[in-house]
Amino acid sequence: MLKNKNNRLYTGFTYDLRKRFKEHNDKKSEYTKHRGPYELIYYEACLNENDARQREKYLKSGTGKRYLKDRLKRFLSHTG
């Protein structure tokens, strides 16, 4: 999960977190290029792609967003 300068959150799937994070901050991602810079605030790793894609789908759902916000509440409250 990434957070931008306006405290907007972005959740996505990738095979290579370091590379994808750099792409977001280097404005090489169409969806996020006008919304950075980004800070990595949370990530999860899965051994199986299907599990990772299902987890991403859940985290983007209403229930998943609430789960993440509750989980990160004390950290997010200190960041603006």
N, C-alpha and C. Protein backbone atom coordinates (compact mmCIF):
# COMPACT_ATOMS: atom_id res chain seq x y z
N MET A 1 0.85 -1.16 0.00
CA MET A 1 0.00 0.00 0.00
C MET A 1 0.90 1.22 0.00
N LEU A 2 0.57 2.12 -0.89
CA LEU A 2 1.31 3.37 -0.99
C LEU A 2 0.44 4.51 -0.52
N LYS A 3 1.07 5.55 -0.01
CA LYS A 3 0.37 6.77 0.38
C LYS A 3 1.04 7.92 -0.34
N ASN A 4 0.24 8.82 -0.92
CA ASN A 4 0.83 9.95 -1.62
C ASN A 4 0.84 11.20 -0.76
N LYS A 5 1.30 12.30 -1.34
CA LYS A 5 1.44 13.56 -0.60
C LYS A 5 0.11 14.10 -0.08
N ASN A 6 -1.00 13.68 -0.70
CA ASN A 6 -2.33 14.10 -0.27
C ASN A 6 -3.00 13.08 0.64
N ASN A 7 -2.20 12.14 1.16
CA ASN A 7 -2.67 11.07 2.04
C ASN A 7 -3.66 10.12 1.38
N ARG A 8 -3.66 10.06 0.05
CA ARG A 8 -4.48 9.09 -0.67
C ARG A 8 -3.74 7.76 -0.70
N LEU A 9 -4.49 6.68 -0.57
CA LEU A 9 -3.90 5.35 -0.52
C LEU A 9 -4.05 4.64 -1.86
N TYR A 10 -3.06 3.84 -2.21
CA TYR A 10 -3.07 3.06 -3.44
C TYR A 10 -2.68 1.62 -3.09
N THR A 11 -3.48 0.67 -3.52
CA THR A 11 -3.22 -0.75 -3.27
C THR A 11 -3.07 -1.44 -4.61
N GLY A 12 -2.05 -2.28 -4.76
CA GLY A 12 -1.86 -2.99 -6.01
C GLY A 12 -1.06 -4.26 -5.84
N PHE A 13 -0.98 -5.01 -6.92
CA PHE A 13 -0.26 -6.28 -6.99
C PHE A 13 0.98 -6.09 -7.84
N THR A 14 2.06 -6.75 -7.46
CA THR A 14 3.27 -6.73 -8.28
C THR A 14 4.11 -7.96 -7.97
N TYR A 15 4.94 -8.34 -8.93
CA TYR A 15 5.91 -9.41 -8.71
C TYR A 15 7.18 -8.88 -8.06
N ASP A 16 7.47 -7.59 -8.26
CA ASP A 16 8.71 -6.98 -7.80
C ASP A 16 8.40 -5.65 -7.13
N LEU A 17 8.27 -5.66 -5.82
CA LEU A 17 7.86 -4.47 -5.07
C LEU A 17 8.83 -3.30 -5.25
N ARG A 18 10.12 -3.56 -5.13
CA ARG A 18 11.09 -2.46 -5.26
C ARG A 18 11.00 -1.79 -6.63
N LYS A 19 10.92 -2.61 -7.67
CA LYS A 19 10.84 -2.07 -9.03
C LYS A 19 9.55 -1.29 -9.22
N ARG A 20 8.43 -1.83 -8.76
CA ARG A 20 7.14 -1.17 -8.95
C ARG A 20 7.05 0.13 -8.15
N PHE A 21 7.58 0.13 -6.95
CA PHE A 21 7.60 1.34 -6.13
C PHE A 21 8.40 2.44 -6.83
N LYS A 22 9.55 2.07 -7.39
CA LYS A 22 10.38 3.03 -8.13
C LYS A 22 9.63 3.56 -9.35
N GLU A 23 8.92 2.69 -10.05
CA GLU A 23 8.14 3.12 -11.21
C GLU A 23 7.09 4.15 -10.82
N HIS A 24 6.43 3.93 -9.70
CA HIS A 24 5.43 4.90 -9.25
C HIS A 24 6.08 6.25 -8.97
N ASN A 25 7.18 6.25 -8.26
CA ASN A 25 7.83 7.52 -7.92
C ASN A 25 8.56 8.16 -9.10
N ASP A 26 8.91 7.37 -10.10
CA ASP A 26 9.53 7.91 -11.32
C ASP A 26 8.48 8.28 -12.37
N LYS A 27 7.21 8.23 -11.98
CA LYS A 27 6.08 8.61 -12.84
C LYS A 27 5.97 7.77 -14.11
N LYS A 28 6.28 6.48 -13.98
CA LYS A 28 6.20 5.57 -15.12
C LYS A 28 4.92 4.74 -15.12
N SER A 29 4.06 4.97 -14.17
CA SER A 29 2.78 4.28 -14.09
C SER A 29 1.68 5.25 -14.53
N GLU A 30 0.91 4.88 -15.54
CA GLU A 30 -0.14 5.77 -16.07
C GLU A 30 -1.12 6.20 -14.99
N TYR A 31 -1.57 5.26 -14.18
CA TYR A 31 -2.60 5.58 -13.19
C TYR A 31 -2.10 6.51 -12.09
N THR A 32 -0.86 6.35 -11.68
CA THR A 32 -0.38 7.09 -10.50
C THR A 32 0.61 8.21 -10.82
N LYS A 33 0.95 8.43 -12.08
CA LYS A 33 2.03 9.37 -12.38
C LYS A 33 1.76 10.81 -11.98
N HIS A 34 0.51 11.21 -11.87
CA HIS A 34 0.19 12.59 -11.48
C HIS A 34 -0.19 12.70 -10.01
N ARG A 35 0.02 11.64 -9.26
CA ARG A 35 -0.44 11.64 -7.87
C ARG A 35 0.67 11.50 -6.83
N GLY A 36 1.92 11.36 -7.24
CA GLY A 36 3.03 11.11 -6.32
C GLY A 36 3.55 12.38 -5.71
N PRO A 37 4.63 12.32 -4.97
CA PRO A 37 5.44 11.14 -4.67
C PRO A 37 4.74 10.21 -3.67
N TYR A 38 5.25 8.99 -3.60
CA TYR A 38 4.65 7.96 -2.78
C TYR A 38 5.58 7.51 -1.66
N GLU A 39 4.93 7.02 -0.62
CA GLU A 39 5.63 6.42 0.52
C GLU A 39 5.02 5.02 0.69
N LEU A 40 5.86 4.02 0.82
CA LEU A 40 5.38 2.66 1.07
C LEU A 40 5.03 2.56 2.56
N ILE A 41 3.77 2.25 2.84
CA ILE A 41 3.35 2.20 4.25
C ILE A 41 2.95 0.80 4.70
N TYR A 42 2.74 -0.13 3.75
CA TYR A 42 2.33 -1.47 4.14
C TYR A 42 2.48 -2.41 2.96
N TYR A 43 2.91 -3.63 3.22
CA TYR A 43 2.90 -4.64 2.17
C TYR A 43 2.73 -6.02 2.77
N GLU A 44 2.25 -6.92 1.95
CA GLU A 44 2.11 -8.33 2.29
C GLU A 44 2.75 -9.12 1.16
N ALA A 45 3.28 -10.28 1.48
CA ALA A 45 3.87 -11.15 0.47
C ALA A 45 3.14 -12.49 0.48
N CYS A 46 2.95 -13.03 -0.71
CA CYS A 46 2.32 -14.35 -0.88
C CYS A 46 3.23 -15.23 -1.72
N LEU A 47 3.19 -16.51 -1.48
CA LEU A 47 4.00 -17.45 -2.27
C LEU A 47 3.33 -17.81 -3.58
N ASN A 48 2.04 -17.61 -3.67
CA ASN A 48 1.25 -18.04 -4.81
C ASN A 48 0.57 -16.83 -5.45
N GLU A 49 0.65 -16.69 -6.78
CA GLU A 49 0.06 -15.53 -7.45
C GLU A 49 -1.45 -15.45 -7.24
N ASN A 50 -2.13 -16.57 -7.31
CA ASN A 50 -3.57 -16.56 -7.12
C ASN A 50 -3.94 -16.04 -5.73
N ASP A 51 -3.21 -16.48 -4.72
CA ASP A 51 -3.44 -15.97 -3.36
C ASP A 51 -3.23 -14.46 -3.30
N ALA A 52 -2.16 -14.00 -3.95
CA ALA A 52 -1.85 -12.56 -3.94
C ALA A 52 -2.94 -11.76 -4.63
N ARG A 53 -3.43 -12.25 -5.75
CA ARG A 53 -4.49 -11.53 -6.48
C ARG A 53 -5.80 -11.52 -5.70
N GLN A 54 -6.11 -12.61 -5.04
CA GLN A 54 -7.31 -12.67 -4.20
C GLN A 54 -7.18 -11.70 -3.02
N ARG A 55 -5.99 -11.65 -2.44
CA ARG A 55 -5.76 -10.73 -1.32
C ARG A 55 -5.89 -9.28 -1.77
N GLU A 56 -5.33 -8.97 -2.94
CA GLU A 56 -5.46 -7.61 -3.48
C GLU A 56 -6.93 -7.26 -3.67
N LYS A 57 -7.69 -8.17 -4.25
CA LYS A 57 -9.11 -7.94 -4.47
C LYS A 57 -9.83 -7.67 -3.15
N TYR A 58 -9.51 -8.45 -2.13
CA TYR A 58 -10.10 -8.23 -0.81
C TYR A 58 -9.71 -6.87 -0.25
N LEU A 59 -8.43 -6.52 -0.31
CA LEU A 59 -7.96 -5.27 0.27
C LEU A 59 -8.54 -4.04 -0.44
N LYS A 60 -8.98 -4.21 -1.67
CA LYS A 60 -9.61 -3.12 -2.41
C LYS A 60 -11.12 -3.05 -2.15
N SER A 61 -11.67 -4.06 -1.50
CA SER A 61 -13.10 -4.06 -1.19
C SER A 61 -13.36 -3.16 0.02
N GLY A 62 -14.61 -2.88 0.27
CA GLY A 62 -14.97 -2.06 1.43
C GLY A 62 -14.49 -2.67 2.73
N THR A 63 -14.68 -3.97 2.89
CA THR A 63 -14.24 -4.67 4.10
C THR A 63 -12.72 -4.64 4.21
N GLY A 64 -12.04 -4.85 3.11
CA GLY A 64 -10.58 -4.85 3.10
C GLY A 64 -10.01 -3.48 3.42
N LYS A 65 -10.62 -2.43 2.88
CA LYS A 65 -10.17 -1.07 3.17
C LYS A 65 -10.33 -0.76 4.66
N ARG A 66 -11.45 -1.18 5.22
CA ARG A 66 -11.65 -0.96 6.67
C ARG A 66 -10.60 -1.73 7.48
N TYR A 67 -10.33 -2.97 7.07
CA TYR A 67 -9.31 -3.78 7.74
C TYR A 67 -7.97 -3.05 7.73
N LEU A 68 -7.56 -2.56 6.56
CA LEU A 68 -6.26 -1.87 6.47
C LEU A 68 -6.25 -0.58 7.28
N LYS A 69 -7.29 0.20 7.19
CA LYS A 69 -7.32 1.46 7.95
C LYS A 69 -7.29 1.20 9.44
N ASP A 70 -8.01 0.18 9.91
CA ASP A 70 -7.96 -0.17 11.34
C ASP A 70 -6.56 -0.64 11.72
N ARG A 71 -5.98 -1.47 10.87
CA ARG A 71 -4.64 -2.02 11.15
C ARG A 71 -3.58 -0.92 11.19
N LEU A 72 -3.73 0.08 10.34
CA LEU A 72 -2.71 1.13 10.22
C LEU A 72 -3.08 2.42 10.96
N LYS A 73 -4.19 2.43 11.64
CA LYS A 73 -4.71 3.66 12.25
C LYS A 73 -3.66 4.43 13.06
N ARG A 74 -2.98 3.76 13.93
CA ARG A 74 -2.03 4.50 14.78
C ARG A 74 -0.84 5.02 13.99
N PHE A 75 -0.49 4.36 12.88
CA PHE A 75 0.62 4.83 12.05
C PHE A 75 0.17 5.98 11.14
N LEU A 76 -1.01 5.84 10.54
CA LEU A 76 -1.52 6.86 9.64
C LEU A 76 -1.82 8.15 10.37
N SER A 77 -2.25 8.08 11.63
CA SER A 77 -2.58 9.29 12.37
C SER A 77 -1.35 10.17 12.63
N HIS A 78 -0.16 9.58 12.56
CA HIS A 78 1.07 10.34 12.80
C HIS A 78 1.65 10.92 11.51
N THR A 79 1.05 10.59 10.37
CA THR A 79 1.66 11.01 9.12
C THR A 79 0.89 12.12 8.42
N GLY A 80 -0.04 12.73 9.10
CA GLY A 80 -0.71 13.87 8.50
C GLY A 80 -2.12 13.63 8.26
